[in-house]
Amino acid sequence: MTTREIEEKLFARKASGLVKEASPTKAGLFNIANIMGSKFAWSVAYLGMFPAALMFGAPAYIWGVLLFTLASFILGIIYIQLTTPMPRSGADYVIPARLMGPFWGWINSWMIVWSWIPVWAWMAWVTVRNVKLLIDILRIVHVTEMASGWVYESPTIWIIGIGVIIIAMLMCMVPPRRYYSWIAGLAVFSIVGLVLALYGAFAATANFSANMNTLLGTSVEGLINAAKAKGWDPNEMLSWTTGTGMMGYILFIIGGYQYSASISGELRGDVKKGLMISIFGSLIFWLIFTIPFVMLVLNQFGYQLVTSWSWLFWNARSLAPLALPPINALLCAVGLPDLWPLWLIAGLAGIVGTWLCIPASMMYCNRLALAWGMDRLMPKAITEVHPKYHQPMRLFAVEGLLGIIFYVAQIQFDFNPVSFAWWSILLMLPSYFFPAICALLIRKRRPDLFQNVPWSRWLIPLGILWIAILVPFYGLGGIVGSVPPISPGITFWEWAISTGLIITSVFVVAGLIIYFVVRWWNIKRGIKFDEIYKLIPPE
């Protein structure tokens, strides 16, 4: 029996139905869109979470981002090495399923998907908040006298939040060529907002202090003193608590640069070249933006002002101007109010960049679930690819519905799993370690694939090096720095509920049950389930 005949008896379909429409540049911008979220428009807004004195002229956060981003190049290389011999979309499922076993591929991708779904609801909420910010900017520069509080009220908060999730879902349903072009174009527009903020940071400082009094009703000194009165210390050194907390934040904020590996079956041209351009390009972009850009903003507007403002937002929000952090477009609007059309564009770019994370990560999760369908882990009817649009339309509809459910729970019941310490830590853990484990196994498990691994002599050393870096970083940053200790008088059950350990465990256990039930059902139907994983899914 030929390989093709075996495939037809094992896999749900003879072909994935996907088309090769993603160029290396578009794949790189796809990665940047996945990284984006509120990280770029809010580039300095998170510094107040980790107050500490400058170290060699830069915040400790900058040094942490630099070191872990450089280390992330190791994981990026491993993804290129593992994906090149088997370029199939859904890499975070396909690769561990073929090298570690079907169960490990399933549980890894299942946990990734459920780590992302609440993020769609959270990004929808941040998009709502950025709409309010844009109105606030236009109001303080006297373009409009409209108040912004109505954005948070019903029905506006429901219309905008649910609407942006539906729009993201519909965008994912268009043909791949159009989807990747739209993602690339919107990512470029979002980057334009950063360039405008870069200009604003250079030009705005001369009148900034005086404009703060006029436009925000507070002075630079008054803002800094208000933060000091509440407990902010500009000379405080990095403590064990803030240090490990910062490590945990850095650990999860960088992810997304490797997601082009999960659309590798749709890359045009040479896969290795496409992955190198997209993965390395997005990492370099993140590195350049995060360090020189943030340092420019801090140097131009003042480290104490930016950090104290950010600190007030996270610790005493009512005292922060407009109850907002120092967002790029807001800083520029205060410094140069007469150039409000530029900050209008920057504000719109911030809204788009935040929202763009939803359709980008939806596509990433979609390709994982599509690969499940190829391997008979999900009903064929849900993962069937539309012959005209070359997209699994029903699967996107399910994703959109789940995103809306979590958004409703977040607004109506104040239920937001993203805020649970254990949610990201547990659900994302396999995705950080499994690529390195696969790197150690591929030579023995699949020597046929190993022959096509680029830079193969470095694969095992890089896998070992990544694990050596990740174990202490994940242990300190992910667990010690992110999970609060059990307070006196609090039972373990109460602590487990408050940290999200219980609900996260429920989702993991549900994944285990689904896998073994589906495996039993496939075997009962006469499908040689384990034989599927000896082959690479059809293209």
Protein backbone atom coordinates (compact mmCIF):
# COMPACT_ATOMS: atom_id res chain seq x y z
CA MET A 1 0.00 0.00 0.00
CA THR A 2 1.40 3.41 -0.99
CA THR A 3 1.86 6.29 1.42
CA ARG A 4 -1.00 8.15 -0.27
CA GLU A 5 -3.35 5.19 0.16
CA ILE A 6 -2.38 4.93 3.83
CA GLU A 7 -3.00 8.67 4.28
CA GLU A 8 -6.45 8.38 2.74
CA LYS A 9 -7.39 5.67 5.24
CA LEU A 10 -5.96 7.48 8.27
CA PHE A 11 -6.41 11.22 7.86
CA ALA A 12 -9.81 12.91 7.76
CA ARG A 13 -9.01 14.56 4.41
CA LYS A 14 -6.63 14.02 1.49
CA ALA A 15 -5.51 17.66 1.69
CA SER A 16 -5.76 20.46 4.20
CA GLY A 17 -7.54 22.78 1.78
CA LEU A 18 -5.18 25.65 2.67
CA VAL A 19 -3.36 27.69 0.05
CA LYS A 20 0.13 29.23 0.04
CA GLU A 21 -0.64 32.93 0.22
CA ALA A 22 1.63 34.27 2.99
CA SER A 23 4.85 35.92 1.83
CA PRO A 24 7.78 36.18 4.28
CA THR A 25 7.05 39.89 4.82
CA LYS A 26 3.36 39.28 5.49
CA ALA A 27 4.26 36.40 7.83
CA GLY A 28 6.59 38.74 9.73
CA LEU A 29 3.86 41.35 10.08
CA PHE A 30 1.51 38.56 11.16
CA ASN A 31 3.95 37.81 14.00
CA ILE A 32 4.15 41.50 14.92
CA ALA A 33 0.34 41.67 14.98
CA ASN A 34 0.34 38.77 17.45
CA ILE A 35 2.93 40.51 19.64
CA MET A 36 1.19 43.86 19.47
CA GLY A 37 -1.87 44.01 21.72
CA SER A 38 -1.51 47.00 24.04
CA LYS A 39 2.25 46.54 24.31
CA PHE A 40 3.25 49.14 21.70
CA ALA A 41 0.73 51.95 22.22
CA TRP A 42 1.14 51.49 26.00
CA SER A 43 4.91 51.08 25.75
CA VAL A 44 5.80 52.91 29.00
CA ALA A 45 2.48 52.39 30.77
CA TYR A 46 3.68 49.22 32.52
CA LEU A 47 6.88 50.62 34.05
CA GLY A 48 5.09 51.62 37.24
CA MET A 49 4.38 47.95 37.93
CA PHE A 50 8.09 47.41 38.63
CA PRO A 51 9.32 50.54 40.41
CA ALA A 52 13.07 50.55 40.84
CA ALA A 53 16.00 52.92 40.59
CA LEU A 54 17.83 53.09 37.29
CA MET A 55 20.57 50.52 36.68
CA PHE A 56 23.42 51.87 34.52
CA GLY A 57 21.11 54.58 33.18
CA ALA A 58 18.17 52.33 32.24
CA PRO A 59 15.24 50.73 34.09
CA ALA A 60 15.69 47.13 35.21
CA TYR A 61 12.75 46.29 32.93
CA ILE A 62 14.78 47.33 29.88
CA TRP A 63 17.69 45.10 30.87
CA GLY A 64 15.32 42.19 31.46
CA VAL A 65 13.63 42.62 28.08
CA LEU A 66 17.01 42.85 26.35
CA LEU A 67 18.36 39.65 27.90
CA PHE A 68 15.22 37.55 27.47
CA THR A 69 14.64 38.77 23.90
CA LEU A 70 18.19 37.79 22.99
CA ALA A 71 17.55 34.40 24.61
CA SER A 72 14.31 34.12 22.59
CA PHE A 73 16.37 33.98 19.40
CA ILE A 74 17.33 30.48 20.56
CA LEU A 75 13.70 29.38 20.60
CA GLY A 76 13.17 31.09 17.24
CA ILE A 77 16.04 29.09 15.71
CA ILE A 78 14.62 25.86 17.16
CA TYR A 79 11.25 26.60 15.56
CA ILE A 80 12.94 27.15 12.19
CA GLN A 81 14.89 23.91 12.56
CA LEU A 82 11.86 21.81 13.53
CA THR A 83 9.35 23.34 11.13
CA THR A 84 11.49 23.30 7.97
CA PRO A 85 11.40 19.46 7.61
CA MET A 86 7.60 19.38 8.12
CA PRO A 87 6.04 22.69 7.05
CA ARG A 88 2.46 22.19 8.12
CA SER A 89 0.14 24.78 9.61
CA GLY A 90 -0.56 24.15 13.28
CA ALA A 91 3.09 23.57 14.17
CA ASP A 92 2.57 23.72 17.93
CA TYR A 93 0.35 20.67 17.57
CA VAL A 94 1.86 18.87 14.57
CA ILE A 95 5.49 18.93 15.72
CA PRO A 96 5.11 17.58 19.29
CA ALA A 97 2.43 15.12 18.10
CA ARG A 98 4.94 13.59 15.64
CA LEU A 99 8.01 13.72 17.88
CA MET A 100 6.67 13.30 21.41
CA GLY A 101 3.40 11.47 20.73
CA PRO A 102 -0.23 12.38 19.94
CA PHE A 103 -1.21 13.00 23.55
CA TRP A 104 1.56 15.57 24.07
CA GLY A 105 0.75 17.37 20.83
CA TRP A 106 -2.91 17.54 21.80
CA ILE A 107 -2.46 18.74 25.38
CA ASN A 108 0.11 21.35 24.33
CA SER A 109 -2.14 22.87 21.67
CA TRP A 110 -5.31 22.50 23.80
CA MET A 111 -3.70 24.50 26.60
CA ILE A 112 -2.43 27.13 24.15
CA VAL A 113 -5.89 27.65 22.66
CA TRP A 114 -7.52 28.11 26.07
CA SER A 115 -4.80 30.50 27.14
CA TRP A 116 -5.70 32.70 24.16
CA ILE A 117 -9.51 32.68 24.19
CA PRO A 118 -9.86 34.92 27.30
CA VAL A 119 -7.24 37.24 25.79
CA TRP A 120 -9.68 38.03 22.95
CA ALA A 121 -12.16 39.24 25.55
CA TRP A 122 -9.43 41.21 27.34
CA MET A 123 -8.19 42.82 24.08
CA ALA A 124 -11.79 43.75 23.25
CA TRP A 125 -11.97 45.52 26.63
CA VAL A 126 -8.65 47.30 26.05
CA THR A 127 -9.97 48.39 22.64
CA VAL A 128 -12.99 49.92 24.40
CA ARG A 129 -10.64 51.67 26.80
CA ASN A 130 -8.54 53.00 23.90
CA VAL A 131 -11.69 54.44 22.32
CA LYS A 132 -12.28 56.34 25.56
CA LEU A 133 -8.64 57.47 25.48
CA LEU A 134 -9.04 58.87 21.98
CA ILE A 135 -12.09 60.90 23.04
CA ASP A 136 -10.14 62.15 26.09
CA ILE A 137 -7.26 63.27 23.87
CA LEU A 138 -9.59 65.18 21.55
CA ARG A 139 -11.31 66.73 24.56
CA ILE A 140 -8.18 67.98 26.33
CA VAL A 141 -6.92 69.63 23.11
CA HIS A 142 -10.40 71.22 22.71
CA VAL A 143 -11.32 69.56 19.43
CA THR A 144 -14.51 68.37 21.13
CA GLU A 145 -16.22 68.99 24.44
CA MET A 146 -17.69 65.48 24.49
CA ALA A 147 -17.28 63.56 27.75
CA SER A 148 -15.95 60.00 27.51
CA GLY A 149 -17.63 58.22 30.42
CA TRP A 150 -20.47 56.97 28.24
CA VAL A 151 -18.06 54.58 26.51
CA TYR A 152 -18.04 52.44 29.67
CA GLU A 153 -21.83 52.46 29.99
CA SER A 154 -24.49 50.18 28.48
CA PRO A 155 -25.13 49.65 25.65
CA THR A 156 -21.90 51.20 24.29
CA ILE A 157 -19.54 48.91 26.17
CA TRP A 158 -21.44 45.90 24.82
CA ILE A 159 -21.71 47.16 21.26
CA ILE A 160 -18.03 48.06 20.93
CA GLY A 161 -16.65 45.02 22.77
CA ILE A 162 -18.79 42.38 21.09
CA GLY A 163 -18.58 44.25 17.79
CA VAL A 164 -14.77 44.16 17.60
CA ILE A 165 -14.76 40.42 18.29
CA ILE A 166 -17.31 39.82 15.51
CA ILE A 167 -15.34 42.02 13.10
CA ALA A 168 -12.16 40.08 13.92
CA MET A 169 -13.97 36.79 13.30
CA LEU A 170 -15.35 38.01 9.95
CA MET A 171 -11.93 39.27 8.90
CA CYS A 172 -10.51 35.79 9.47
CA MET A 173 -13.16 34.31 7.16
CA VAL A 174 -11.98 36.12 4.03
CA PRO A 175 -9.70 34.28 1.56
CA PRO A 176 -6.12 33.88 2.88
CA ARG A 177 -4.52 36.27 0.36
CA ARG A 178 -6.86 39.05 1.43
CA TYR A 179 -6.54 38.17 5.13
CA TYR A 180 -2.72 38.29 5.17
CA SER A 181 -2.76 41.52 3.13
CA TRP A 182 -5.19 43.13 5.57
CA ILE A 183 -3.17 41.97 8.58
CA ALA A 184 0.01 43.37 7.01
CA GLY A 185 -1.62 46.69 6.08
CA LEU A 186 -3.16 47.23 9.51
CA ALA A 187 0.10 46.27 11.21
CA VAL A 188 1.93 48.88 9.12
CA PHE A 189 -0.70 51.48 10.06
CA SER A 190 -0.20 50.61 13.74
CA ILE A 191 3.55 51.03 13.31
CA VAL A 192 2.91 54.47 11.76
CA GLY A 193 1.36 55.44 15.10
CA LEU A 194 4.64 54.53 16.78
CA VAL A 195 6.59 56.67 14.33
CA LEU A 196 4.32 59.63 15.08
CA ALA A 197 4.84 59.08 18.80
CA LEU A 198 8.57 58.96 18.12
CA TYR A 199 8.36 62.42 16.55
CA GLY A 200 6.20 63.63 19.41
CA ALA A 201 8.73 62.45 21.97
CA PHE A 202 11.47 64.42 20.21
CA ALA A 203 9.49 67.62 19.84
CA ALA A 204 7.08 67.82 22.76
CA THR A 205 9.22 68.38 25.83
CA ALA A 206 9.71 72.16 25.63
CA ASN A 207 6.11 72.96 26.57
CA PHE A 208 5.19 69.73 28.28
CA SER A 209 5.34 70.90 31.91
CA ALA A 210 3.30 74.05 31.26
CA ASN A 211 0.78 72.13 29.16
CA MET A 212 0.24 69.60 31.93
CA ASN A 213 -1.03 72.39 34.17
CA THR A 214 -3.27 73.80 31.45
CA LEU A 215 -4.65 70.58 29.96
CA LEU A 216 -4.58 68.09 32.84
CA GLY A 217 -4.84 70.34 35.87
CA THR A 218 -1.67 69.05 37.51
CA SER A 219 2.03 69.80 37.29
CA VAL A 220 4.91 67.44 36.74
CA GLU A 221 6.09 68.08 40.30
CA GLY A 222 2.57 67.67 41.67
CA LEU A 223 2.15 64.32 39.97
CA ILE A 224 5.49 63.03 41.24
CA ASN A 225 4.74 64.25 44.77
CA ALA A 226 1.29 62.63 44.71
CA ALA A 227 2.90 59.30 43.85
CA LYS A 228 5.52 59.72 46.59
CA ALA A 229 2.78 60.47 49.11
CA LYS A 230 1.09 57.19 48.21
CA GLY A 231 4.27 55.16 48.65
CA TRP A 232 6.19 55.36 45.37
CA ASP A 233 9.94 55.61 45.94
CA PRO A 234 12.05 56.67 42.93
CA ASN A 235 15.21 55.48 44.67
CA GLU A 236 13.92 52.03 45.62
CA MET A 237 16.12 49.20 44.41
CA LEU A 238 14.69 46.17 42.69
CA SER A 239 13.39 43.83 45.39
CA TRP A 240 12.83 40.09 45.31
CA THR A 241 9.08 40.66 44.84
CA THR A 242 9.32 43.30 42.11
CA GLY A 243 12.25 41.47 40.46
CA THR A 244 10.52 38.12 40.11
CA GLY A 245 7.25 39.84 39.18
CA MET A 246 9.05 41.70 36.42
CA MET A 247 10.54 38.43 35.18
CA GLY A 248 7.06 36.91 35.00
CA TYR A 249 5.76 39.87 33.00
CA ILE A 250 8.69 39.74 30.57
CA LEU A 251 8.25 35.98 30.17
CA PHE A 252 4.75 36.30 28.72
CA ILE A 253 4.89 39.69 26.99
CA ILE A 254 7.33 38.68 24.23
CA GLY A 255 5.37 35.72 22.82
CA GLY A 256 4.03 35.82 19.25
CA TYR A 257 7.25 36.18 17.27
CA GLN A 258 7.24 32.44 16.47
CA TYR A 259 3.64 32.17 15.27
CA SER A 260 4.54 32.18 11.57
CA ALA A 261 5.61 28.56 12.20
CA SER A 262 1.93 27.75 12.69
CA ILE A 263 1.09 29.04 9.22
CA SER A 264 4.14 27.39 7.65
CA GLY A 265 1.92 25.31 5.37
CA GLU A 266 0.78 28.59 3.82
CA LEU A 267 4.17 30.23 3.33
CA ARG A 268 5.14 31.05 -0.23
CA GLY A 269 8.57 30.10 -1.52
CA ASP A 270 11.37 28.62 0.56
CA VAL A 271 10.00 27.76 4.01
CA LYS A 272 13.29 28.13 5.86
CA LYS A 273 13.88 31.57 4.35
CA GLY A 274 10.30 32.62 5.11
CA LEU A 275 10.59 31.53 8.72
CA MET A 276 13.96 33.22 9.17
CA ILE A 277 12.64 36.52 7.82
CA SER A 278 9.38 36.41 9.79
CA ILE A 279 10.72 35.12 13.12
CA PHE A 280 14.01 37.01 13.25
CA GLY A 281 12.41 40.12 11.73
CA SER A 282 9.65 40.31 14.32
CA LEU A 283 12.10 39.69 17.17
CA ILE A 284 14.41 42.44 15.91
CA PHE A 285 11.46 44.81 15.53
CA TRP A 286 10.34 44.06 19.09
CA LEU A 287 13.87 44.59 20.39
CA ILE A 288 14.36 47.90 18.57
CA PHE A 289 10.97 49.23 19.57
CA THR A 290 11.10 48.16 23.20
CA ILE A 291 14.54 49.48 24.07
CA PRO A 292 15.51 52.59 22.00
CA PHE A 293 11.89 53.81 21.72
CA VAL A 294 11.06 53.39 25.40
CA MET A 295 14.39 54.91 26.44
CA LEU A 296 13.71 57.92 24.20
CA VAL A 297 10.30 58.49 25.82
CA LEU A 298 11.80 58.17 29.29
CA ASN A 299 14.69 60.52 28.53
CA GLN A 300 12.50 63.12 26.84
CA PHE A 301 9.60 63.23 29.30
CA GLY A 302 11.54 62.25 32.42
CA TYR A 303 11.87 58.86 34.08
CA GLN A 304 10.33 60.06 37.35
CA LEU A 305 7.30 61.61 35.64
CA VAL A 306 6.55 58.60 33.45
CA THR A 307 7.12 56.03 36.20
CA SER A 308 5.22 57.93 38.90
CA TRP A 309 2.27 58.47 36.52
CA SER A 310 2.28 54.79 35.62
CA TRP A 311 2.62 53.80 39.28
CA LEU A 312 -0.42 55.91 40.20
CA PHE A 313 -2.47 54.27 37.46
CA TRP A 314 -1.75 50.79 38.81
CA ASN A 315 -1.91 51.64 42.52
CA ALA A 316 -4.07 54.77 42.99
CA ARG A 317 -5.94 55.17 39.71
CA SER A 318 -8.13 58.09 40.78
CA LEU A 319 -4.98 60.22 41.19
CA ALA A 320 -3.65 59.46 37.69
CA PRO A 321 -4.54 62.16 35.13
CA LEU A 322 -7.75 61.15 33.33
CA ALA A 323 -7.50 57.86 35.29
CA LEU A 324 -5.19 56.70 32.48
CA PRO A 325 -1.53 55.66 32.31
CA PRO A 326 1.06 57.67 30.31
CA ILE A 327 0.10 56.28 26.88
CA ASN A 328 2.24 57.40 23.92
CA ALA A 329 -0.49 59.36 22.12
CA LEU A 330 -1.58 61.05 25.36
CA LEU A 331 1.95 62.21 26.19
CA CYS A 332 2.32 63.65 22.70
CA ALA A 333 -1.07 65.39 22.83
CA VAL A 334 -0.11 67.12 26.08
CA GLY A 335 3.25 68.19 24.67
CA LEU A 336 2.00 69.38 21.26
CA PRO A 337 -1.78 69.95 21.43
CA ASP A 338 -1.84 71.99 18.21
CA LEU A 339 -0.77 68.91 16.27
CA TRP A 340 -3.87 67.02 17.37
CA PRO A 341 -4.46 65.47 13.88
CA LEU A 342 -1.21 63.53 14.34
CA TRP A 343 -2.25 62.29 17.78
CA LEU A 344 -5.68 61.42 16.39
CA ILE A 345 -3.89 59.15 13.90
CA ALA A 346 -1.63 57.80 16.68
CA GLY A 347 -4.67 57.13 18.86
CA LEU A 348 -6.48 55.35 16.03
CA ALA A 349 -3.32 53.33 15.36
CA GLY A 350 -3.28 52.33 19.04
CA ILE A 351 -6.89 51.16 18.81
CA VAL A 352 -6.15 49.17 15.64
CA GLY A 353 -2.94 47.68 17.03
CA THR A 354 -4.68 46.49 20.17
CA TRP A 355 -7.61 45.03 18.24
CA LEU A 356 -5.34 43.47 15.61
CA CYS A 357 -4.10 40.96 18.17
CA ILE A 358 -7.58 39.34 18.09
CA PRO A 359 -7.79 38.32 14.39
CA ALA A 360 -4.08 37.45 14.34
CA SER A 361 -4.25 35.10 17.34
CA MET A 362 -7.60 33.73 16.13
CA MET A 363 -5.82 32.57 12.96
CA TYR A 364 -3.01 31.02 15.03
CA CYS A 365 -5.47 29.06 17.20
CA ASN A 366 -7.53 28.22 14.14
CA ARG A 367 -4.63 26.45 12.47
CA LEU A 368 -4.02 24.36 15.60
CA ALA A 369 -7.65 23.25 15.61
CA LEU A 370 -7.54 22.66 11.85
CA ALA A 371 -4.65 20.23 12.40
CA TRP A 372 -6.73 18.48 15.09
CA GLY A 373 -9.39 17.90 12.46
CA MET A 374 -6.87 16.41 10.02
CA ASP A 375 -5.86 13.90 12.73
CA ARG A 376 -9.48 13.11 13.67
CA LEU A 377 -9.34 14.83 17.06
CA MET A 378 -12.14 17.21 16.12
CA PRO A 379 -15.28 16.62 14.04
CA LYS A 380 -14.69 16.99 10.32
CA ALA A 381 -17.81 19.15 9.95
CA ILE A 382 -16.32 21.88 12.16
CA THR A 383 -12.86 21.95 10.58
CA GLU A 384 -13.90 21.54 6.94
CA VAL A 385 -12.22 24.12 4.71
CA HIS A 386 -14.54 26.10 2.43
CA PRO A 387 -13.64 25.28 -1.20
CA LYS A 388 -14.05 28.91 -2.30
CA TYR A 389 -12.66 30.87 0.64
CA HIS A 390 -10.03 28.30 1.68
CA GLN A 391 -10.83 28.92 5.34
CA PRO A 392 -12.53 26.70 7.97
CA MET A 393 -15.52 29.01 8.37
CA ARG A 394 -17.36 27.07 11.09
CA LEU A 395 -14.21 26.91 13.20
CA PHE A 396 -13.86 30.69 13.11
CA ALA A 397 -17.53 31.00 14.10
CA VAL A 398 -16.85 28.81 17.16
CA GLU A 399 -13.85 30.97 18.07
CA GLY A 400 -15.88 34.16 17.77
CA LEU A 401 -18.67 32.72 19.92
CA LEU A 402 -16.21 31.68 22.64
CA GLY A 403 -14.61 35.13 22.60
CA ILE A 404 -18.01 36.77 23.03
CA ILE A 405 -18.92 34.42 25.90
CA PHE A 406 -15.76 35.37 27.78
CA TYR A 407 -16.32 39.06 27.06
CA VAL A 408 -19.86 38.88 28.45
CA ALA A 409 -18.55 37.06 31.55
CA GLN A 410 -15.83 39.68 31.95
CA ILE A 411 -18.20 42.66 31.80
CA GLN A 412 -21.29 41.18 33.42
CA PHE A 413 -19.73 39.04 36.16
CA ASP A 414 -16.24 40.57 36.46
CA PHE A 415 -14.82 37.17 35.44
CA ASN A 416 -11.51 37.60 33.66
CA PRO A 417 -9.23 34.53 33.65
CA VAL A 418 -6.38 36.64 32.26
CA SER A 419 -6.06 38.22 35.72
CA PHE A 420 -5.61 34.80 37.39
CA ALA A 421 -1.98 34.10 38.18
CA TRP A 422 -2.11 30.43 37.27
CA TRP A 423 -4.05 30.86 34.03
CA SER A 424 -1.10 31.83 31.82
CA ILE A 425 1.54 30.08 33.90
CA LEU A 426 0.05 26.59 33.65
CA LEU A 427 -1.56 26.82 30.23
CA MET A 428 1.50 28.27 28.48
CA LEU A 429 4.13 26.15 30.22
CA PRO A 430 4.26 23.25 27.69
CA SER A 431 4.55 25.62 24.72
CA TYR A 432 7.78 27.03 26.15
CA PHE A 433 9.42 23.68 26.90
CA PHE A 434 8.10 21.29 24.24
CA PRO A 435 10.06 22.75 21.28
CA ALA A 436 13.31 22.07 23.16
CA ILE A 437 12.19 18.55 24.05
CA CYS A 438 11.31 17.94 20.39
CA ALA A 439 14.78 19.20 19.45
CA LEU A 440 16.30 16.54 21.69
CA LEU A 441 14.08 13.76 20.28
CA ILE A 442 13.92 14.33 16.54
CA ARG A 443 17.21 12.66 15.66
CA LYS A 444 16.16 9.39 17.32
CA ARG A 445 12.41 9.47 16.71
CA ARG A 446 12.42 10.73 13.12
CA PRO A 447 15.84 10.34 11.48
CA ASP A 448 14.18 10.88 8.10
CA LEU A 449 13.12 14.37 9.17
CA PHE A 450 16.39 15.09 10.93
CA GLN A 451 18.20 14.85 7.59
CA ASN A 452 16.40 18.03 6.47
CA VAL A 453 16.94 20.03 9.67
CA PRO A 454 18.95 23.21 8.94
CA TRP A 455 22.03 23.73 11.09
CA SER A 456 21.36 20.23 12.51
CA ARG A 457 24.61 20.02 14.49
CA TRP A 458 23.36 22.89 16.67
CA LEU A 459 19.86 21.55 17.29
CA ILE A 460 20.51 19.48 20.43
CA PRO A 461 22.91 22.03 22.03
CA LEU A 462 20.35 24.80 21.44
CA GLY A 463 17.59 22.65 22.95
CA ILE A 464 19.67 22.04 26.08
CA LEU A 465 20.64 25.73 26.30
CA TRP A 466 17.01 26.87 26.01
CA ILE A 467 15.91 24.51 28.79
CA ALA A 468 18.81 25.69 30.98
CA ILE A 469 17.69 29.32 30.50
CA LEU A 470 13.98 28.64 30.81
CA VAL A 471 13.89 26.50 33.98
CA PRO A 472 15.14 29.20 36.37
CA PHE A 473 13.39 31.99 34.46
CA TYR A 474 10.04 30.19 34.42
CA GLY A 475 10.46 29.07 38.01
CA LEU A 476 11.30 32.52 39.35
CA GLY A 477 9.28 34.68 36.99
CA GLY A 478 6.36 32.41 36.20
CA ILE A 479 5.73 30.84 39.59
CA VAL A 480 7.54 32.74 42.36
CA GLY A 481 6.95 36.15 40.79
CA SER A 482 3.41 35.63 39.54
CA VAL A 483 1.63 33.47 42.11
CA PRO A 484 0.87 35.12 45.47
CA PRO A 485 1.72 33.09 48.57
CA ILE A 486 -0.99 31.68 50.82
CA SER A 487 -1.84 34.39 53.32
CA PRO A 488 -2.42 33.57 57.00
CA GLY A 489 -6.01 32.59 57.65
CA ILE A 490 -6.65 31.65 54.00
CA THR A 491 -7.37 28.00 53.22
CA PHE A 492 -5.67 26.25 50.34
CA TRP A 493 -9.01 25.97 48.56
CA GLU A 494 -9.65 29.72 48.81
CA TRP A 495 -6.11 30.42 47.60
CA ALA A 496 -6.47 27.97 44.70
CA ILE A 497 -9.72 29.63 43.61
CA SER A 498 -8.37 33.18 43.91
CA THR A 499 -5.23 32.40 41.89
CA GLY A 500 -7.14 30.56 39.17
CA LEU A 501 -5.49 27.21 39.94
CA ILE A 502 -8.86 25.44 40.21
CA ILE A 503 -10.43 26.73 37.01
CA THR A 504 -7.17 26.25 35.08
CA SER A 505 -6.96 22.67 36.31
CA VAL A 506 -10.57 22.11 35.21
CA PHE A 507 -9.71 23.12 31.65
CA VAL A 508 -6.63 20.87 31.64
CA VAL A 509 -8.59 17.89 32.98
CA ALA A 510 -11.32 18.53 30.39
CA GLY A 511 -8.62 18.34 27.70
CA LEU A 512 -7.40 15.02 29.08
CA ILE A 513 -10.90 13.54 29.09
CA ILE A 514 -11.64 14.72 25.55
CA TYR A 515 -8.43 13.22 24.21
CA PHE A 516 -8.95 9.75 25.66
CA VAL A 517 -12.65 9.68 24.73
CA VAL A 518 -11.91 10.69 21.14
CA ARG A 519 -9.04 8.22 20.92
CA TRP A 520 -11.31 5.40 22.19
CA TRP A 521 -14.05 6.38 19.72
CA ASN A 522 -11.66 6.42 16.75
CA ILE A 523 -10.24 3.02 17.64
CA LYS A 524 -13.75 1.64 18.10
CA ARG A 525 -14.60 2.80 14.57
CA GLY A 526 -11.68 0.79 13.24
CA ILE A 527 -9.30 3.70 12.66
CA LYS A 528 -5.67 2.91 13.39
CA PHE A 529 -5.36 6.01 15.51
CA ASP A 530 -1.71 5.64 16.52
CA GLU A 531 -0.68 5.03 12.91
CA ILE A 532 -1.77 8.55 12.01
CA TYR A 533 1.13 10.02 13.94
CA LYS A 534 3.77 8.08 12.04
CA LEU A 535 3.01 10.29 9.03
CA ILE A 536 3.04 14.02 8.39
CA PRO A 537 -0.45 15.42 7.67
CA PRO A 538 -1.25 15.99 3.98
CA GLU A 539 -0.80 19.50 2.59
